[in-house]
Amino acid sequence: MKDNPQRIPVKAWGIVFVFAFFLISFSVVMFRHSEKKSTGETQSFGSVPDFHFTTQDGKPFSKADLLGKVWIVDFFFTSCPGPCPIMSSRLSEVYRELKRADDVRLVSVSIDPEHDSPQVLSEYASRFEAKSDRWIFLTGPKSEITEFTTRGMLQALATDSSGIPTHSTRFLIIDRNGEIRKIRHLDEPELVQKLLMDIGDLLRESSIGKASKSN
């Protein structure tokens, strides 16, 4: 007479069920993570604080004017004898590539506002054929500019022994919600191409987000 096969205890079935549940849950989490990476999402380095400055056209300008846009911000001053002309040249290359990109803005904040009046900024912008609706140059009260640069955007700002400002040479890429999503350095190889790719990633990410909400 053949022996009857042993039944698996109920407790063992429970262990199998719990293991299967966690395995499925882990698979779902990993799929969502890989899906998120495929959209080009990157980490956030913090939110851009609110600000109220003045453009090269003498018009008031704030963070609210940039919400819904993808933008790059840098810090410079018009009489800079060092890296500023190079930084502006790099942004000029980006500007020329994205002239028809309605959802992209370039923002250059002067860290020498006592000299860089709206008129001075306008003359500087004209060197790069920059239109104020796409490439915004900002000035404002010195204390507010300093606060925004150092505490708000966490960028270096000081004055050397000869009284010349020294500042960050970074480019910060901001998403539509005002989150700092990427940081690029002036000395990076193929900088312009990287900036264009970063902008493209955030534009696609935003498009995917809008599409998923509408479904």
N, C-alpha and C. Protein backbone atom coordinates (compact mmCIF):
# COMPACT_ATOMS: atom_id res chain seq x y z
N MET A 1 0.85 -1.18 0.00
CA MET A 1 0.00 0.00 0.00
C MET A 1 0.89 1.23 0.00
N LYS A 2 0.58 2.17 -0.94
CA LYS A 2 1.41 3.35 -1.04
C LYS A 2 1.08 4.35 0.05
N ASP A 3 2.15 5.01 0.52
CA ASP A 3 1.94 6.05 1.54
C ASP A 3 1.28 7.26 0.92
N ASN A 4 0.36 7.90 1.66
CA ASN A 4 -0.26 9.15 1.19
C ASN A 4 0.76 10.27 1.25
N PRO A 5 0.79 11.14 0.24
CA PRO A 5 1.73 12.26 0.29
C PRO A 5 1.42 13.17 1.46
N GLN A 6 2.47 13.66 2.09
CA GLN A 6 2.29 14.53 3.25
C GLN A 6 1.76 15.89 2.82
N ARG A 7 0.81 16.39 3.59
CA ARG A 7 0.26 17.71 3.31
C ARG A 7 1.18 18.79 3.88
N ILE A 8 1.27 19.90 3.15
CA ILE A 8 2.07 21.03 3.64
C ILE A 8 1.28 21.72 4.75
N PRO A 9 1.89 21.90 5.88
CA PRO A 9 1.20 22.53 7.00
C PRO A 9 0.68 23.92 6.64
N VAL A 10 -0.42 24.31 7.27
CA VAL A 10 -1.03 25.62 7.02
C VAL A 10 -0.02 26.74 7.30
N LYS A 11 0.79 26.59 8.34
CA LYS A 11 1.79 27.60 8.70
C LYS A 11 2.79 27.80 7.56
N ALA A 12 3.16 26.68 6.90
CA ALA A 12 4.11 26.77 5.79
C ALA A 12 3.50 27.52 4.63
N TRP A 13 2.19 27.25 4.38
CA TRP A 13 1.52 27.99 3.31
C TRP A 13 1.52 29.49 3.60
N GLY A 14 1.37 29.82 4.86
CA GLY A 14 1.38 31.23 5.25
C GLY A 14 2.71 31.88 4.97
N ILE A 15 3.78 31.14 5.24
CA ILE A 15 5.13 31.67 4.99
C ILE A 15 5.33 31.89 3.49
N VAL A 16 4.86 30.89 2.69
CA VAL A 16 4.98 31.00 1.23
C VAL A 16 4.22 32.22 0.73
N PHE A 17 3.01 32.43 1.27
CA PHE A 17 2.19 33.56 0.84
C PHE A 17 2.86 34.89 1.17
N VAL A 18 3.38 35.00 2.38
CA VAL A 18 4.04 36.25 2.80
C VAL A 18 5.26 36.51 1.93
N PHE A 19 6.04 35.45 1.66
CA PHE A 19 7.23 35.61 0.82
C PHE A 19 6.84 36.08 -0.58
N ALA A 20 5.79 35.47 -1.13
CA ALA A 20 5.35 35.85 -2.48
C ALA A 20 4.87 37.30 -2.50
N PHE A 21 4.17 37.70 -1.44
CA PHE A 21 3.65 39.08 -1.36
C PHE A 21 4.80 40.09 -1.38
N PHE A 22 5.82 39.84 -0.56
CA PHE A 22 6.96 40.75 -0.51
C PHE A 22 7.76 40.75 -1.81
N LEU A 23 7.82 39.57 -2.46
CA LEU A 23 8.53 39.49 -3.73
C LEU A 23 7.83 40.32 -4.79
N ILE A 24 6.50 40.24 -4.83
CA ILE A 24 5.73 41.03 -5.80
C ILE A 24 5.85 42.52 -5.50
N SER A 25 5.77 42.87 -4.21
CA SER A 25 5.88 44.27 -3.81
C SER A 25 7.23 44.84 -4.19
N PHE A 26 8.29 44.05 -3.95
CA PHE A 26 9.65 44.49 -4.30
C PHE A 26 9.77 44.71 -5.81
N SER A 27 9.17 43.79 -6.58
CA SER A 27 9.24 43.91 -8.04
C SER A 27 8.54 45.17 -8.51
N VAL A 28 7.40 45.50 -7.89
CA VAL A 28 6.66 46.71 -8.27
C VAL A 28 7.48 47.96 -7.96
N VAL A 29 8.11 47.99 -6.77
CA VAL A 29 8.93 49.14 -6.37
C VAL A 29 10.09 49.31 -7.34
N MET A 30 10.77 48.22 -7.68
CA MET A 30 11.91 48.30 -8.58
C MET A 30 11.48 48.75 -9.97
N PHE A 31 10.29 48.30 -10.42
CA PHE A 31 9.80 48.73 -11.73
C PHE A 31 9.54 50.23 -11.73
N ARG A 32 8.89 50.73 -10.67
CA ARG A 32 8.61 52.16 -10.61
C ARG A 32 9.89 52.97 -10.55
N HIS A 33 10.89 52.42 -9.83
CA HIS A 33 12.18 53.13 -9.73
C HIS A 33 12.85 53.22 -11.09
N SER A 34 12.85 52.08 -11.83
CA SER A 34 13.48 52.09 -13.15
C SER A 34 12.70 52.97 -14.11
N GLU A 35 11.37 53.01 -13.96
CA GLU A 35 10.55 53.87 -14.81
C GLU A 35 10.86 55.32 -14.54
N LYS A 36 11.04 55.67 -13.26
CA LYS A 36 11.38 57.03 -12.87
C LYS A 36 12.73 57.44 -13.44
N LYS A 37 13.71 56.52 -13.41
CA LYS A 37 15.03 56.83 -13.96
C LYS A 37 14.97 57.02 -15.46
N SER A 38 14.09 56.25 -16.12
CA SER A 38 14.01 56.34 -17.58
C SER A 38 13.45 57.66 -18.05
N THR A 39 12.73 58.39 -17.18
CA THR A 39 12.19 59.69 -17.56
C THR A 39 13.24 60.77 -17.47
N GLY A 40 14.43 60.47 -16.96
CA GLY A 40 15.48 61.48 -16.86
C GLY A 40 15.44 62.25 -15.54
N GLU A 41 14.63 61.80 -14.58
CA GLU A 41 14.55 62.51 -13.32
C GLU A 41 15.88 62.44 -12.58
N THR A 42 16.22 63.52 -11.91
CA THR A 42 17.41 63.55 -11.08
C THR A 42 17.03 64.07 -9.72
N GLN A 43 17.96 64.01 -8.79
CA GLN A 43 17.66 64.46 -7.43
C GLN A 43 17.48 65.96 -7.38
N SER A 44 16.88 66.41 -6.29
CA SER A 44 16.72 67.85 -6.07
C SER A 44 17.75 68.32 -5.06
N PHE A 45 18.38 69.46 -5.36
CA PHE A 45 19.34 70.06 -4.45
C PHE A 45 18.69 71.15 -3.60
N GLY A 46 17.39 71.23 -3.64
CA GLY A 46 16.67 72.23 -2.86
C GLY A 46 15.80 73.12 -3.74
N SER A 47 14.96 73.90 -3.10
CA SER A 47 14.05 74.79 -3.82
C SER A 47 14.64 76.19 -3.94
N VAL A 48 14.37 76.83 -5.05
CA VAL A 48 14.77 78.23 -5.23
C VAL A 48 13.88 79.09 -4.34
N PRO A 49 14.45 79.93 -3.48
CA PRO A 49 13.62 80.80 -2.64
C PRO A 49 12.97 81.90 -3.46
N ASP A 50 11.95 82.49 -2.91
CA ASP A 50 11.30 83.59 -3.62
C ASP A 50 12.25 84.78 -3.70
N PHE A 51 12.12 85.56 -4.75
CA PHE A 51 12.96 86.75 -4.91
C PHE A 51 12.18 87.79 -5.71
N HIS A 52 12.58 89.03 -5.57
CA HIS A 52 11.96 90.13 -6.30
C HIS A 52 13.07 91.08 -6.73
N PHE A 53 13.48 90.95 -8.00
CA PHE A 53 14.57 91.76 -8.54
C PHE A 53 14.08 92.58 -9.74
N THR A 54 15.02 93.15 -10.48
CA THR A 54 14.69 94.00 -11.62
C THR A 54 15.45 93.53 -12.86
N THR A 55 14.77 93.50 -14.00
CA THR A 55 15.38 93.01 -15.24
C THR A 55 16.17 94.10 -15.95
N GLN A 56 16.84 93.71 -17.04
CA GLN A 56 17.58 94.68 -17.85
C GLN A 56 16.65 95.71 -18.50
N ASP A 57 15.34 95.41 -18.52
CA ASP A 57 14.36 96.36 -19.05
C ASP A 57 13.80 97.26 -17.96
N GLY A 58 14.28 97.09 -16.73
CA GLY A 58 13.77 97.89 -15.63
C GLY A 58 12.44 97.40 -15.09
N LYS A 59 12.08 96.17 -15.41
CA LYS A 59 10.79 95.63 -14.97
C LYS A 59 10.98 94.73 -13.74
N PRO A 60 9.99 94.68 -12.86
CA PRO A 60 10.08 93.78 -11.71
C PRO A 60 10.00 92.32 -12.17
N PHE A 61 10.70 91.46 -11.45
CA PHE A 61 10.76 90.05 -11.84
C PHE A 61 10.91 89.22 -10.59
N SER A 62 10.18 88.10 -10.52
CA SER A 62 10.22 87.25 -9.33
C SER A 62 10.22 85.78 -9.71
N LYS A 63 10.32 84.95 -8.71
CA LYS A 63 10.30 83.50 -8.93
C LYS A 63 9.00 83.08 -9.62
N ALA A 64 7.92 83.75 -9.27
CA ALA A 64 6.62 83.39 -9.85
C ALA A 64 6.63 83.49 -11.37
N ASP A 65 7.46 84.38 -11.92
CA ASP A 65 7.53 84.55 -13.37
C ASP A 65 8.22 83.37 -14.05
N LEU A 66 8.86 82.51 -13.28
CA LEU A 66 9.59 81.38 -13.85
C LEU A 66 8.93 80.04 -13.59
N LEU A 67 7.93 80.01 -12.72
CA LEU A 67 7.26 78.75 -12.44
C LEU A 67 6.56 78.26 -13.71
N GLY A 68 6.72 76.99 -13.99
CA GLY A 68 6.20 76.42 -15.23
C GLY A 68 7.22 76.39 -16.34
N LYS A 69 8.41 76.99 -16.09
CA LYS A 69 9.49 77.00 -17.06
C LYS A 69 10.66 76.16 -16.55
N VAL A 70 11.48 75.68 -17.47
CA VAL A 70 12.77 75.09 -17.13
C VAL A 70 13.81 76.17 -17.36
N TRP A 71 14.68 76.39 -16.38
CA TRP A 71 15.63 77.49 -16.54
C TRP A 71 17.00 77.20 -15.98
N ILE A 72 17.97 77.95 -16.48
CA ILE A 72 19.35 77.88 -16.01
C ILE A 72 19.68 79.23 -15.37
N VAL A 73 20.30 79.20 -14.20
CA VAL A 73 20.71 80.44 -13.55
C VAL A 73 22.22 80.42 -13.33
N ASP A 74 22.84 81.57 -13.56
CA ASP A 74 24.25 81.74 -13.20
C ASP A 74 24.43 83.09 -12.52
N PHE A 75 25.62 83.31 -11.94
CA PHE A 75 25.92 84.53 -11.21
C PHE A 75 27.16 85.17 -11.82
N PHE A 76 27.09 86.48 -12.06
CA PHE A 76 28.14 87.15 -12.80
C PHE A 76 28.14 88.63 -12.45
N PHE A 77 29.05 89.41 -13.05
CA PHE A 77 28.94 90.87 -13.05
C PHE A 77 29.59 91.40 -14.31
N THR A 78 29.10 92.51 -14.80
CA THR A 78 29.46 92.97 -16.15
C THR A 78 30.91 93.41 -16.29
N SER A 79 31.52 93.87 -15.20
CA SER A 79 32.91 94.32 -15.26
C SER A 79 33.90 93.24 -14.86
N CYS A 80 33.43 92.03 -14.79
CA CYS A 80 34.25 90.89 -14.36
C CYS A 80 35.46 90.69 -15.27
N PRO A 81 36.68 90.65 -14.69
CA PRO A 81 37.87 90.43 -15.50
C PRO A 81 38.22 88.96 -15.65
N GLY A 82 37.44 88.11 -15.00
CA GLY A 82 37.76 86.68 -14.97
C GLY A 82 36.82 85.82 -15.79
N PRO A 83 36.08 84.92 -15.13
CA PRO A 83 35.33 83.90 -15.86
C PRO A 83 33.99 84.35 -16.43
N CYS A 84 33.48 85.49 -16.01
CA CYS A 84 32.11 85.89 -16.41
C CYS A 84 31.90 85.93 -17.92
N PRO A 85 32.82 86.54 -18.70
CA PRO A 85 32.61 86.54 -20.15
C PRO A 85 32.51 85.13 -20.74
N ILE A 86 33.28 84.20 -20.17
CA ILE A 86 33.22 82.82 -20.65
C ILE A 86 31.88 82.19 -20.28
N MET A 87 31.42 82.45 -19.06
CA MET A 87 30.12 81.93 -18.64
C MET A 87 29.01 82.44 -19.54
N SER A 88 29.03 83.74 -19.80
CA SER A 88 28.00 84.32 -20.66
C SER A 88 28.09 83.78 -22.08
N SER A 89 29.29 83.51 -22.56
CA SER A 89 29.45 82.94 -23.89
C SER A 89 28.86 81.54 -23.96
N ARG A 90 29.05 80.76 -22.89
CA ARG A 90 28.47 79.41 -22.87
C ARG A 90 26.94 79.49 -22.88
N LEU A 91 26.40 80.41 -22.08
CA LEU A 91 24.95 80.56 -22.07
C LEU A 91 24.45 81.08 -23.42
N SER A 92 25.26 81.90 -24.07
CA SER A 92 24.87 82.39 -25.39
C SER A 92 24.72 81.25 -26.38
N GLU A 93 25.61 80.26 -26.28
CA GLU A 93 25.50 79.08 -27.14
C GLU A 93 24.21 78.32 -26.87
N VAL A 94 23.89 78.17 -25.58
CA VAL A 94 22.63 77.51 -25.20
C VAL A 94 21.45 78.31 -25.73
N TYR A 95 21.54 79.63 -25.57
CA TYR A 95 20.46 80.53 -26.00
C TYR A 95 20.18 80.38 -27.49
N ARG A 96 21.23 80.33 -28.29
CA ARG A 96 21.05 80.21 -29.73
C ARG A 96 20.40 78.88 -30.11
N GLU A 97 20.73 77.83 -29.36
CA GLU A 97 20.16 76.51 -29.65
C GLU A 97 18.69 76.43 -29.26
N LEU A 98 18.28 77.25 -28.29
CA LEU A 98 16.93 77.13 -27.72
C LEU A 98 16.06 78.36 -27.97
N LYS A 99 16.35 79.07 -29.04
CA LYS A 99 15.60 80.29 -29.34
C LYS A 99 14.10 80.05 -29.47
N ARG A 100 13.73 78.87 -29.95
CA ARG A 100 12.31 78.57 -30.16
C ARG A 100 11.71 77.73 -29.04
N ALA A 101 12.44 77.54 -27.96
CA ALA A 101 11.93 76.75 -26.84
C ALA A 101 11.16 77.66 -25.89
N ASP A 102 9.85 77.66 -26.00
CA ASP A 102 9.02 78.58 -25.22
C ASP A 102 9.07 78.31 -23.73
N ASP A 103 9.40 77.08 -23.34
CA ASP A 103 9.37 76.71 -21.93
C ASP A 103 10.73 76.78 -21.26
N VAL A 104 11.70 77.45 -21.88
CA VAL A 104 13.05 77.54 -21.32
C VAL A 104 13.45 79.00 -21.14
N ARG A 105 14.08 79.30 -20.00
CA ARG A 105 14.59 80.63 -19.75
C ARG A 105 16.03 80.55 -19.23
N LEU A 106 16.82 81.56 -19.56
CA LEU A 106 18.15 81.72 -18.99
C LEU A 106 18.09 82.92 -18.05
N VAL A 107 18.72 82.80 -16.89
CA VAL A 107 18.67 83.86 -15.89
C VAL A 107 20.08 84.12 -15.37
N SER A 108 20.56 85.35 -15.56
CA SER A 108 21.89 85.74 -15.07
C SER A 108 21.72 86.82 -14.01
N VAL A 109 22.18 86.51 -12.80
CA VAL A 109 22.02 87.41 -11.66
C VAL A 109 23.32 88.15 -11.39
N SER A 110 23.29 89.47 -11.42
CA SER A 110 24.49 90.25 -11.14
C SER A 110 24.77 90.27 -9.64
N ILE A 111 26.02 89.97 -9.28
CA ILE A 111 26.40 90.02 -7.87
C ILE A 111 27.11 91.35 -7.56
N ASP A 112 27.05 92.28 -8.53
CA ASP A 112 27.58 93.63 -8.33
C ASP A 112 26.49 94.65 -8.69
N PRO A 113 25.37 94.59 -7.97
CA PRO A 113 24.22 95.42 -8.35
C PRO A 113 24.44 96.92 -8.20
N GLU A 114 25.42 97.32 -7.38
CA GLU A 114 25.68 98.75 -7.22
C GLU A 114 26.20 99.36 -8.52
N HIS A 115 26.86 98.55 -9.33
CA HIS A 115 27.34 99.02 -10.64
C HIS A 115 26.40 98.60 -11.76
N ASP A 116 25.87 97.38 -11.65
CA ASP A 116 25.08 96.81 -12.74
C ASP A 116 23.61 97.24 -12.64
N SER A 117 23.36 98.46 -13.11
CA SER A 117 21.99 98.97 -13.19
C SER A 117 21.27 98.30 -14.35
N PRO A 118 19.95 98.45 -14.44
CA PRO A 118 19.25 97.89 -15.60
C PRO A 118 19.83 98.35 -16.94
N GLN A 119 20.23 99.60 -17.03
CA GLN A 119 20.82 100.10 -18.28
C GLN A 119 22.13 99.40 -18.61
N VAL A 120 22.98 99.22 -17.58
CA VAL A 120 24.25 98.52 -17.79
C VAL A 120 24.00 97.07 -18.21
N LEU A 121 23.03 96.44 -17.58
CA LEU A 121 22.70 95.06 -17.93
C LEU A 121 22.14 94.97 -19.35
N SER A 122 21.36 95.96 -19.73
CA SER A 122 20.80 95.97 -21.08
C SER A 122 21.90 96.06 -22.13
N GLU A 123 22.87 96.92 -21.87
CA GLU A 123 24.00 97.05 -22.80
C GLU A 123 24.81 95.76 -22.87
N TYR A 124 24.98 95.12 -21.71
CA TYR A 124 25.72 93.85 -21.67
C TYR A 124 24.95 92.77 -22.44
N ALA A 125 23.64 92.71 -22.23
CA ALA A 125 22.82 91.70 -22.90
C ALA A 125 22.85 91.86 -24.41
N SER A 126 22.95 93.11 -24.87
CA SER A 126 22.96 93.36 -26.31
C SER A 126 24.19 92.77 -26.99
N ARG A 127 25.27 92.59 -26.25
CA ARG A 127 26.47 91.98 -26.82
C ARG A 127 26.19 90.55 -27.30
N PHE A 128 25.25 89.91 -26.62
CA PHE A 128 24.94 88.52 -26.93
C PHE A 128 23.61 88.40 -27.69
N GLU A 129 23.08 89.55 -28.11
CA GLU A 129 21.81 89.59 -28.83
C GLU A 129 20.72 88.87 -28.05
N ALA A 130 20.74 89.09 -26.73
CA ALA A 130 19.81 88.40 -25.84
C ALA A 130 18.51 89.19 -25.69
N LYS A 131 17.41 88.55 -25.99
CA LYS A 131 16.10 89.17 -25.80
C LYS A 131 15.62 88.92 -24.38
N SER A 132 15.04 89.97 -23.80
CA SER A 132 14.70 89.91 -22.37
C SER A 132 13.56 88.95 -22.05
N ASP A 133 12.85 88.45 -23.05
CA ASP A 133 11.79 87.49 -22.76
C ASP A 133 12.33 86.07 -22.67
N ARG A 134 13.59 85.86 -23.07
CA ARG A 134 14.19 84.53 -23.03
C ARG A 134 15.44 84.46 -22.14
N TRP A 135 16.20 85.53 -22.14
CA TRP A 135 17.42 85.57 -21.32
C TRP A 135 17.32 86.80 -20.43
N ILE A 136 17.08 86.57 -19.16
CA ILE A 136 16.81 87.64 -18.21
C ILE A 136 18.05 87.94 -17.39
N PHE A 137 18.45 89.20 -17.36
CA PHE A 137 19.56 89.67 -16.52
C PHE A 137 18.95 90.43 -15.35
N LEU A 138 19.36 90.08 -14.14
CA LEU A 138 18.71 90.63 -12.96
C LEU A 138 19.67 91.42 -12.07
N THR A 139 19.14 92.48 -11.48
CA THR A 139 19.85 93.27 -10.48
C THR A 139 18.87 93.59 -9.36
N GLY A 140 19.37 94.15 -8.27
CA GLY A 140 18.51 94.46 -7.14
C GLY A 140 19.32 95.00 -5.98
N PRO A 141 18.68 95.21 -4.84
CA PRO A 141 19.42 95.67 -3.66
C PRO A 141 20.54 94.70 -3.31
N LYS A 142 21.70 95.24 -2.99
CA LYS A 142 22.88 94.40 -2.74
C LYS A 142 22.64 93.37 -1.64
N SER A 143 22.00 93.79 -0.55
CA SER A 143 21.78 92.85 0.56
C SER A 143 20.89 91.69 0.14
N GLU A 144 19.89 91.97 -0.70
CA GLU A 144 18.98 90.92 -1.16
C GLU A 144 19.66 90.00 -2.17
N ILE A 145 20.49 90.58 -3.02
CA ILE A 145 21.25 89.75 -3.97
C ILE A 145 22.19 88.82 -3.22
N THR A 146 22.89 89.35 -2.22
CA THR A 146 23.81 88.54 -1.42
C THR A 146 23.08 87.43 -0.69
N GLU A 147 21.94 87.77 -0.10
CA GLU A 147 21.14 86.78 0.63
C GLU A 147 20.66 85.68 -0.31
N PHE A 148 20.18 86.07 -1.47
CA PHE A 148 19.67 85.11 -2.44
C PHE A 148 20.78 84.19 -2.94
N THR A 149 21.94 84.77 -3.21
CA THR A 149 23.05 83.99 -3.77
C THR A 149 23.62 83.00 -2.76
N THR A 150 23.89 83.48 -1.55
CA THR A 150 24.60 82.64 -0.58
C THR A 150 23.66 81.74 0.23
N ARG A 151 22.63 82.30 0.80
CA ARG A 151 21.74 81.49 1.64
C ARG A 151 20.63 80.83 0.84
N GLY A 152 20.17 81.53 -0.18
CA GLY A 152 19.09 80.97 -0.98
C GLY A 152 19.55 79.90 -1.94
N MET A 153 20.61 80.20 -2.69
CA MET A 153 21.09 79.28 -3.71
C MET A 153 22.37 78.55 -3.30
N LEU A 154 22.89 78.86 -2.12
CA LEU A 154 24.06 78.19 -1.55
C LEU A 154 25.29 78.27 -2.45
N GLN A 155 25.50 79.45 -3.04
CA GLN A 155 26.65 79.66 -3.92
C GLN A 155 27.66 80.60 -3.27
N ALA A 156 28.93 80.38 -3.59
CA ALA A 156 30.00 81.17 -2.99
C ALA A 156 29.94 82.62 -3.48
N LEU A 157 30.24 83.53 -2.57
CA LEU A 157 30.27 84.95 -2.91
C LEU A 157 31.14 85.66 -1.89
N ALA A 158 32.15 86.39 -2.37
CA ALA A 158 33.06 87.10 -1.47
C ALA A 158 33.69 88.26 -2.24
N THR A 159 34.61 88.96 -1.59
CA THR A 159 35.34 90.06 -2.21
C THR A 159 36.82 89.87 -1.94
N ASP A 160 37.65 89.97 -2.98
CA ASP A 160 39.07 89.76 -2.77
C ASP A 160 39.74 91.01 -2.20
N SER A 161 41.04 90.95 -2.00
CA SER A 161 41.77 92.03 -1.35
C SER A 161 41.72 93.35 -2.12
N SER A 162 41.47 93.27 -3.43
CA SER A 162 41.41 94.48 -4.24
C SER A 162 39.98 95.00 -4.39
N GLY A 163 39.05 94.35 -3.71
CA GLY A 163 37.66 94.79 -3.76
C GLY A 163 36.84 94.21 -4.89
N ILE A 164 37.42 93.29 -5.65
CA ILE A 164 36.71 92.67 -6.78
C ILE A 164 35.90 91.48 -6.27
N PRO A 165 34.62 91.39 -6.64
CA PRO A 165 33.81 90.24 -6.20
C PRO A 165 34.35 88.93 -6.75
N THR A 166 34.30 87.91 -5.94
CA THR A 166 34.59 86.54 -6.38
C THR A 166 33.33 85.72 -6.14
N HIS A 167 33.03 84.84 -7.08
CA HIS A 167 31.72 84.20 -7.02
C HIS A 167 31.75 82.81 -7.64
N SER A 168 30.65 82.12 -7.50
CA SER A 168 30.50 80.78 -8.06
C SER A 168 30.51 80.83 -9.58
N THR A 169 31.10 79.82 -10.19
CA THR A 169 31.06 79.68 -11.65
C THR A 169 30.21 78.48 -12.05
N ARG A 170 29.22 78.21 -11.24
CA ARG A 170 28.33 77.08 -11.50
C ARG A 170 27.10 77.53 -12.27
N PHE A 171 26.51 76.58 -12.98
CA PHE A 171 25.23 76.77 -13.65
C PHE A 171 24.23 75.86 -12.95
N LEU A 172 23.12 76.42 -12.50
CA LEU A 172 22.10 75.64 -11.81
C LEU A 172 20.91 75.45 -12.73
N ILE A 173 20.50 74.20 -12.90
CA ILE A 173 19.38 73.88 -13.78
C ILE A 173 18.15 73.65 -12.91
N ILE A 174 17.10 74.41 -13.20
CA ILE A 174 15.90 74.45 -12.36
C ILE A 174 14.71 73.88 -13.12
N ASP A 175 13.89 73.09 -12.43
CA ASP A 175 12.72 72.52 -13.10
C ASP A 175 11.51 73.45 -13.01
N ARG A 176 10.40 72.99 -13.54
CA ARG A 176 9.20 73.83 -13.62
C ARG A 176 8.63 74.20 -12.25
N ASN A 177 8.97 73.42 -11.24
CA ASN A 177 8.46 73.67 -9.89
C ASN A 177 9.41 74.51 -9.04
N GLY A 178 10.51 74.97 -9.64
CA GLY A 178 11.46 75.77 -8.88
C GLY A 178 12.42 74.95 -8.05
N GLU A 179 12.63 73.69 -8.43
CA GLU A 179 13.58 72.82 -7.74
C GLU A 179 14.91 72.81 -8.49
N ILE A 180 16.01 72.91 -7.75
CA ILE A 180 17.34 72.83 -8.35
C ILE A 180 17.64 71.36 -8.63
N ARG A 181 17.70 70.99 -9.90
CA ARG A 181 17.79 69.59 -10.23
C ARG A 181 19.17 69.14 -10.70
N LYS A 182 19.97 70.09 -11.15
CA LYS A 182 21.30 69.73 -11.65
C LYS A 182 22.24 70.91 -11.46
N ILE A 183 23.52 70.61 -11.24
CA ILE A 183 24.54 71.65 -11.09
C ILE A 183 25.70 71.32 -12.03
N ARG A 184 26.06 72.28 -12.85
CA ARG A 184 27.17 72.10 -13.78
C ARG A 184 28.25 73.14 -13.49
N HIS A 185 29.51 72.75 -13.75
CA HIS A 185 30.65 73.64 -13.51
C HIS A 185 31.19 74.17 -14.84
N LEU A 186 31.70 75.37 -14.80
CA LEU A 186 32.21 76.02 -16.00
C LEU A 186 33.29 75.21 -16.69
N ASP A 187 34.13 74.53 -15.92
CA ASP A 187 35.26 73.81 -16.52
C ASP A 187 34.92 72.39 -16.97
N GLU A 188 33.65 72.02 -16.94
CA GLU A 188 33.27 70.68 -17.41
C GLU A 188 33.46 70.59 -18.92
N PRO A 189 34.01 69.49 -19.41
CA PRO A 189 34.11 69.30 -20.86
C PRO A 189 32.72 69.16 -21.47
N GLU A 190 32.56 69.67 -22.68
CA GLU A 190 31.29 69.60 -23.41
C GLU A 190 30.14 70.17 -22.58
N LEU A 191 30.41 71.29 -21.93
CA LEU A 191 29.43 71.90 -21.03
C LEU A 191 28.12 72.23 -21.73
N VAL A 192 28.20 72.88 -22.86
CA VAL A 192 26.98 73.31 -23.54
C VAL A 192 26.10 72.12 -23.90
N GLN A 193 26.71 71.05 -24.40
CA GLN A 193 25.94 69.86 -24.75
C GLN A 193 25.28 69.26 -23.51
N LYS A 194 25.99 69.27 -22.39
CA LYS A 194 25.42 68.74 -21.15
C LYS A 194 24.25 69.58 -20.67
N LEU A 195 24.39 70.89 -20.76
CA LEU A 195 23.29 71.77 -20.35
C LEU A 195 22.06 71.54 -21.23
N LEU A 196 22.27 71.39 -22.51
CA LEU A 196 21.15 71.14 -23.42
C LEU A 196 20.48 69.80 -23.11
N MET A 197 21.28 68.80 -22.76
CA MET A 197 20.72 67.50 -22.40
C MET A 197 19.95 67.59 -21.09
N ASP A 198 20.48 68.33 -20.12
CA ASP A 198 19.79 68.50 -18.85
C ASP A 198 18.43 69.16 -19.05
N ILE A 199 18.41 70.20 -19.87
CA ILE A 199 17.15 70.89 -20.15
C ILE A 199 16.18 69.94 -20.84
N GLY A 200 16.68 69.19 -21.81
CA GLY A 200 15.83 68.24 -22.52
C GLY A 200 15.23 67.20 -21.59
N ASP A 201 16.04 66.72 -20.65
CA ASP A 201 15.54 65.73 -19.68
C ASP A 201 14.38 66.30 -18.87
N LEU A 202 14.53 67.54 -18.40
CA LEU A 202 13.48 68.15 -17.57
C LEU A 202 12.24 68.48 -18.38
N LEU A 203 12.42 68.86 -19.64
CA LEU A 203 11.26 69.12 -20.50
C LEU A 203 10.50 67.83 -20.75
N ARG A 204 11.20 66.74 -21.01
CA ARG A 204 10.54 65.45 -21.24
C ARG A 204 9.88 64.96 -19.97
N GLU A 205 10.57 65.13 -18.85
CA GLU A 205 10.00 64.71 -17.57
C GLU A 205 8.69 65.43 -17.32
N SER A 206 8.65 66.72 -17.58
CA SER A 206 7.44 67.50 -17.37
C SER A 206 6.34 67.05 -18.30
N SER A 207 6.68 66.74 -19.55
CA SER A 207 5.69 66.28 -20.51
C SER A 207 5.09 64.95 -20.09
N ILE A 208 5.96 64.05 -19.61
CA ILE A 208 5.49 62.75 -19.16
C ILE A 208 4.58 62.90 -17.95
N GLY A 209 4.96 63.81 -17.04
CA GLY A 209 4.13 64.06 -15.86
C GLY A 209 2.77 64.59 -16.22
N LYS A 210 2.68 65.49 -17.18
CA LYS A 210 1.41 66.04 -17.62
C LYS A 210 0.55 64.96 -18.27
N ALA A 211 1.19 64.11 -19.07
CA ALA A 211 0.45 63.06 -19.77
C ALA A 211 -0.13 62.06 -18.78
N SER A 212 0.63 61.70 -17.75
CA SER A 212 0.16 60.73 -16.77
C SER A 212 -1.00 61.28 -15.95
N LYS A 213 -0.98 62.60 -15.67
CA LYS A 213 -2.07 63.20 -14.90
C LYS A 213 -3.37 63.27 -15.70
N SER A 214 -3.24 63.43 -17.02
CA SER A 214 -4.43 63.55 -17.85
C SER A 214 -5.09 62.20 -18.12
N ASN A 215 -4.33 61.10 -17.92
CA ASN A 215 -4.90 59.76 -18.16
C ASN A 215 -5.72 59.30 -16.98
